[in-house]
Amino acid sequence: MKLKKVLLVMIYAPNDHQEMFYQKLHAFLLQLDYQTVCVMGDFNAIVDKKMDCKSEIKGKQGRRILPKSCCNMIEELRLIDVWRHKNPTSAKYTFYSNRHRPWSRIDNGLDNPRLSTRFVRS
């Protein structure tokens, strides 16, 4: 088995100014010049309104969607959402807000598709 150098990045994204946060993160990761990057943590936003959020209050707007700068980073670094890749139709959540009463999946693990095949289903 050939060993690969992998950069593991843990994030706690801010609630505000996410566009700028992800632009800076993306630029920083490109400077490090790793072939394989894994980004995990609290993204404080969802990917898909239908699959990643549900509210107990009818008509209540859910969580914010990941900004374009995060989507650009995911695309350029060729990352995939490991959990969604392994569970394409499941609606499971990682966060509940007592104040606003939505359930959402804001914690994610993004990885290179070649590495994600080594993860087991959770």
C-alpha atoms as a PDB file:
ATOM      1  CA  MET A   1       0.000   0.000   0.000  1.00  0.00           C
ATOM      2  CA  LYS A   2       1.416   3.346  -1.049  1.00  0.00           C
ATOM      3  CA  LEU A   3       1.243   6.014   1.685  1.00  0.00           C
ATOM      4  CA  LYS A   4      -0.184   9.436   0.869  1.00  0.00           C
ATOM      5  CA  LYS A   5       0.235  12.699   2.694  1.00  0.00           C
ATOM      6  CA  VAL A   6      -3.227  13.951   3.699  1.00  0.00           C
ATOM      7  CA  LEU A   7      -4.123  17.367   5.085  1.00  0.00           C
ATOM      8  CA  LEU A   8      -6.886  17.095   7.697  1.00  0.00           C
ATOM      9  CA  VAL A   9      -8.581  20.444   8.332  1.00  0.00           C
ATOM     10  CA  MET A  10     -11.031  20.925  11.212  1.00  0.00           C
ATOM     11  CA  ILE A  11     -13.265  23.993  10.979  1.00  0.00           C
ATOM     12  CA  TYR A  12     -15.828  25.860  13.024  1.00  0.00           C
ATOM     13  CA  ALA A  13     -17.331  28.245  10.478  1.00  0.00           C
ATOM     14  CA  PRO A  14     -18.749  31.540  11.732  1.00  0.00           C
ATOM     15  CA  ASN A  15     -22.466  32.281  11.506  1.00  0.00           C
ATOM     16  CA  ASP A  16     -21.737  35.618   9.825  1.00  0.00           C
ATOM     17  CA  HIS A  17     -19.450  36.550   6.920  1.00  0.00           C
ATOM     18  CA  GLN A  18     -19.285  32.975   5.651  1.00  0.00           C
ATOM     19  CA  GLU A  19     -18.550  34.005   2.071  1.00  0.00           C
ATOM     20  CA  MET A  20     -15.303  35.667   3.166  1.00  0.00           C
ATOM     21  CA  PHE A  21     -14.441  32.826   5.579  1.00  0.00           C
ATOM     22  CA  TYR A  22     -14.650  30.193   2.849  1.00  0.00           C
ATOM     23  CA  GLN A  23     -12.775  32.380   0.333  1.00  0.00           C
ATOM     24  CA  LYS A  24      -9.884  32.703   2.793  1.00  0.00           C
ATOM     25  CA  LEU A  25      -9.966  29.000   3.674  1.00  0.00           C
ATOM     26  CA  HIS A  26      -9.942  28.055  -0.007  1.00  0.00           C
ATOM     27  CA  ALA A  27      -6.979  30.331  -0.774  1.00  0.00           C
ATOM     28  CA  PHE A  28      -5.085  29.009   2.256  1.00  0.00           C
ATOM     29  CA  LEU A  29      -5.633  25.372   1.270  1.00  0.00           C
ATOM     30  CA  LEU A  30      -4.437  26.055  -2.272  1.00  0.00           C
ATOM     31  CA  GLN A  31      -1.237  27.637  -0.914  1.00  0.00           C
ATOM     32  CA  LEU A  32      -0.461  24.492   1.097  1.00  0.00           C
ATOM     33  CA  ASP A  33      -0.414  22.468  -2.126  1.00  0.00           C
ATOM     34  CA  TYR A  34      -1.607  19.088  -0.831  1.00  0.00           C
ATOM     35  CA  GLN A  35      -2.963  16.572  -3.316  1.00  0.00           C
ATOM     36  CA  THR A  36      -5.359  15.121  -0.756  1.00  0.00           C
ATOM     37  CA  VAL A  37      -7.400  17.311   1.596  1.00  0.00           C
ATOM     38  CA  CYS A  38     -10.109  16.372   4.073  1.00  0.00           C
ATOM     39  CA  VAL A  39     -12.225  19.174   5.624  1.00  0.00           C
ATOM     40  CA  MET A  40     -14.423  18.340   8.616  1.00  0.00           C
ATOM     41  CA  GLY A  41     -16.362  20.230  11.225  1.00  0.00           C
ATOM     42  CA  ASP A  42     -19.223  22.625  11.867  1.00  0.00           C
ATOM     43  CA  PHE A  43     -19.960  24.421   8.603  1.00  0.00           C
ATOM     44  CA  ASN A  44     -22.863  26.368  10.206  1.00  0.00           C
ATOM     45  CA  ALA A  45     -24.834  25.995   6.977  1.00  0.00           C
ATOM     46  CA  ILE A  46     -26.561  23.251   5.028  1.00  0.00           C
ATOM     47  CA  VAL A  47     -25.982  21.910   1.528  1.00  0.00           C
ATOM     48  CA  ASP A  48     -29.547  20.924   0.574  1.00  0.00           C
ATOM     49  CA  LYS A  49     -32.731  22.554   1.954  1.00  0.00           C
ATOM     50  CA  LYS A  50     -34.847  19.457   1.350  1.00  0.00           C
ATOM     51  CA  MET A  51     -32.458  16.855   2.749  1.00  0.00           C
ATOM     52  CA  ASP A  52     -30.505  18.705   5.438  1.00  0.00           C
ATOM     53  CA  CYS A  53     -33.105  20.724   7.323  1.00  0.00           C
ATOM     54  CA  LYS A  54     -36.569  20.351   8.809  1.00  0.00           C
ATOM     55  CA  SER A  55     -38.515  22.664  11.088  1.00  0.00           C
ATOM     56  CA  GLU A  56     -41.190  21.978  13.680  1.00  0.00           C
ATOM     57  CA  ILE A  57     -42.765  25.338  12.826  1.00  0.00           C
ATOM     58  CA  LYS A  58     -44.745  25.380   9.569  1.00  0.00           C
ATOM     59  CA  GLY A  59     -43.455  27.904   7.055  1.00  0.00           C
ATOM     60  CA  LYS A  60     -40.349  28.642   9.148  1.00  0.00           C
ATOM     61  CA  GLN A  61     -37.282  29.319   7.002  1.00  0.00           C
ATOM     62  CA  GLY A  62     -34.504  26.826   7.729  1.00  0.00           C
ATOM     63  CA  ARG A  63     -30.753  27.199   8.005  1.00  0.00           C
ATOM     64  CA  ARG A  64     -28.643  29.145   5.575  1.00  0.00           C
ATOM     65  CA  ILE A  65     -27.216  27.390   2.526  1.00  0.00           C
ATOM     66  CA  LEU A  66     -23.449  27.051   2.099  1.00  0.00           C
ATOM     67  CA  PRO A  67     -22.132  30.115   0.254  1.00  0.00           C
ATOM     68  CA  LYS A  68     -20.855  29.997  -3.316  1.00  0.00           C
ATOM     69  CA  SER A  69     -17.254  30.352  -2.113  1.00  0.00           C
ATOM     70  CA  CYS A  70     -17.577  27.063  -0.195  1.00  0.00           C
ATOM     71  CA  CYS A  71     -19.108  25.333  -3.218  1.00  0.00           C
ATOM     72  CA  ASN A  72     -16.228  26.639  -5.368  1.00  0.00           C
ATOM     73  CA  MET A  73     -13.708  25.268  -2.842  1.00  0.00           C
ATOM     74  CA  ILE A  74     -15.436  21.870  -2.804  1.00  0.00           C
ATOM     75  CA  GLU A  75     -15.446  21.737  -6.592  1.00  0.00           C
ATOM     76  CA  GLU A  76     -11.859  22.903  -7.132  1.00  0.00           C
ATOM     77  CA  LEU A  77     -10.431  20.595  -4.447  1.00  0.00           C
ATOM     78  CA  ARG A  78     -12.622  17.752  -5.821  1.00  0.00           C
ATOM     79  CA  LEU A  79     -14.195  16.998  -2.446  1.00  0.00           C
ATOM     80  CA  ILE A  80     -17.356  15.051  -1.717  1.00  0.00           C
ATOM     81  CA  ASP A  81     -19.675  15.015   1.277  1.00  0.00           C
ATOM     82  CA  VAL A  82     -18.742  11.572   2.633  1.00  0.00           C
ATOM     83  CA  TRP A  83     -21.891  11.046   4.699  1.00  0.00           C
ATOM     84  CA  ARG A  84     -24.242  12.113   1.872  1.00  0.00           C
ATOM     85  CA  HIS A  85     -22.288   9.947  -0.574  1.00  0.00           C
ATOM     86  CA  LYS A  86     -22.841   6.907   1.659  1.00  0.00           C
ATOM     87  CA  ASN A  87     -26.442   7.901   2.573  1.00  0.00           C
ATOM     88  CA  PRO A  88     -27.925   9.580  -0.529  1.00  0.00           C
ATOM     89  CA  THR A  89     -31.573   9.449   0.558  1.00  0.00           C
ATOM     90  CA  SER A  90     -31.324   9.700   4.351  1.00  0.00           C
ATOM     91  CA  ALA A  91     -32.513  12.748   6.233  1.00  0.00           C
ATOM     92  CA  LYS A  92     -30.485  12.822   9.453  1.00  0.00           C
ATOM     93  CA  TYR A  93     -29.460  15.871  11.448  1.00  0.00           C
ATOM     94  CA  THR A  94     -26.532  16.973  13.600  1.00  0.00           C
ATOM     95  CA  PHE A  95     -27.974  20.094  15.244  1.00  0.00           C
ATOM     96  CA  TYR A  96     -31.210  21.239  16.895  1.00  0.00           C
ATOM     97  CA  SER A  97     -31.934  24.857  17.831  1.00  0.00           C
ATOM     98  CA  ASN A  98     -34.262  25.301  20.806  1.00  0.00           C
ATOM     99  CA  ARG A  99     -34.736  28.946  19.882  1.00  0.00           C
ATOM    100  CA  HIS A 100     -35.719  28.535  16.211  1.00  0.00           C
ATOM    101  CA  ARG A 101     -36.720  24.848  16.435  1.00  0.00           C
ATOM    102  CA  PRO A 102     -35.175  23.479  13.242  1.00  0.00           C
ATOM    103  CA  TRP A 103     -33.223  20.267  12.877  1.00  0.00           C
ATOM    104  CA  SER A 104     -30.299  20.567  10.485  1.00  0.00           C
ATOM    105  CA  ARG A 105     -27.185  18.794   9.235  1.00  0.00           C
ATOM    106  CA  ILE A 106     -24.523  21.478   9.558  1.00  0.00           C
ATOM    107  CA  ASP A 107     -21.611  19.220  10.551  1.00  0.00           C
ATOM    108  CA  ASN A 108     -19.880  17.695   7.559  1.00  0.00           C
ATOM    109  CA  GLY A 109     -16.899  15.702   6.425  1.00  0.00           C
ATOM    110  CA  LEU A 110     -15.615  16.537   2.957  1.00  0.00           C
ATOM    111  CA  ASP A 111     -13.057  14.255   1.443  1.00  0.00           C
ATOM    112  CA  ASN A 112     -11.423  13.143  -1.764  1.00  0.00           C
ATOM    113  CA  PRO A 113     -13.540  10.419  -3.430  1.00  0.00           C
ATOM    114  CA  ARG A 114     -10.555   8.039  -3.574  1.00  0.00           C
ATOM    115  CA  LEU A 115     -10.106   8.262   0.205  1.00  0.00           C
ATOM    116  CA  SER A 116     -13.804   8.118   1.060  1.00  0.00           C
ATOM    117  CA  THR A 117     -14.059   4.549  -0.225  1.00  0.00           C
ATOM    118  CA  ARG A 118     -12.096   3.569   2.868  1.00  0.00           C
ATOM    119  CA  PHE A 119     -14.741   4.970   5.243  1.00  0.00           C
ATOM    120  CA  VAL A 120     -17.322   2.587   6.646  1.00  0.00           C
ATOM    121  CA  ARG A 121     -21.026   3.377   6.692  1.00  0.00           C
ATOM    122  CA  SER A 122     -22.202   5.125   9.857  1.00  0.00           C
END
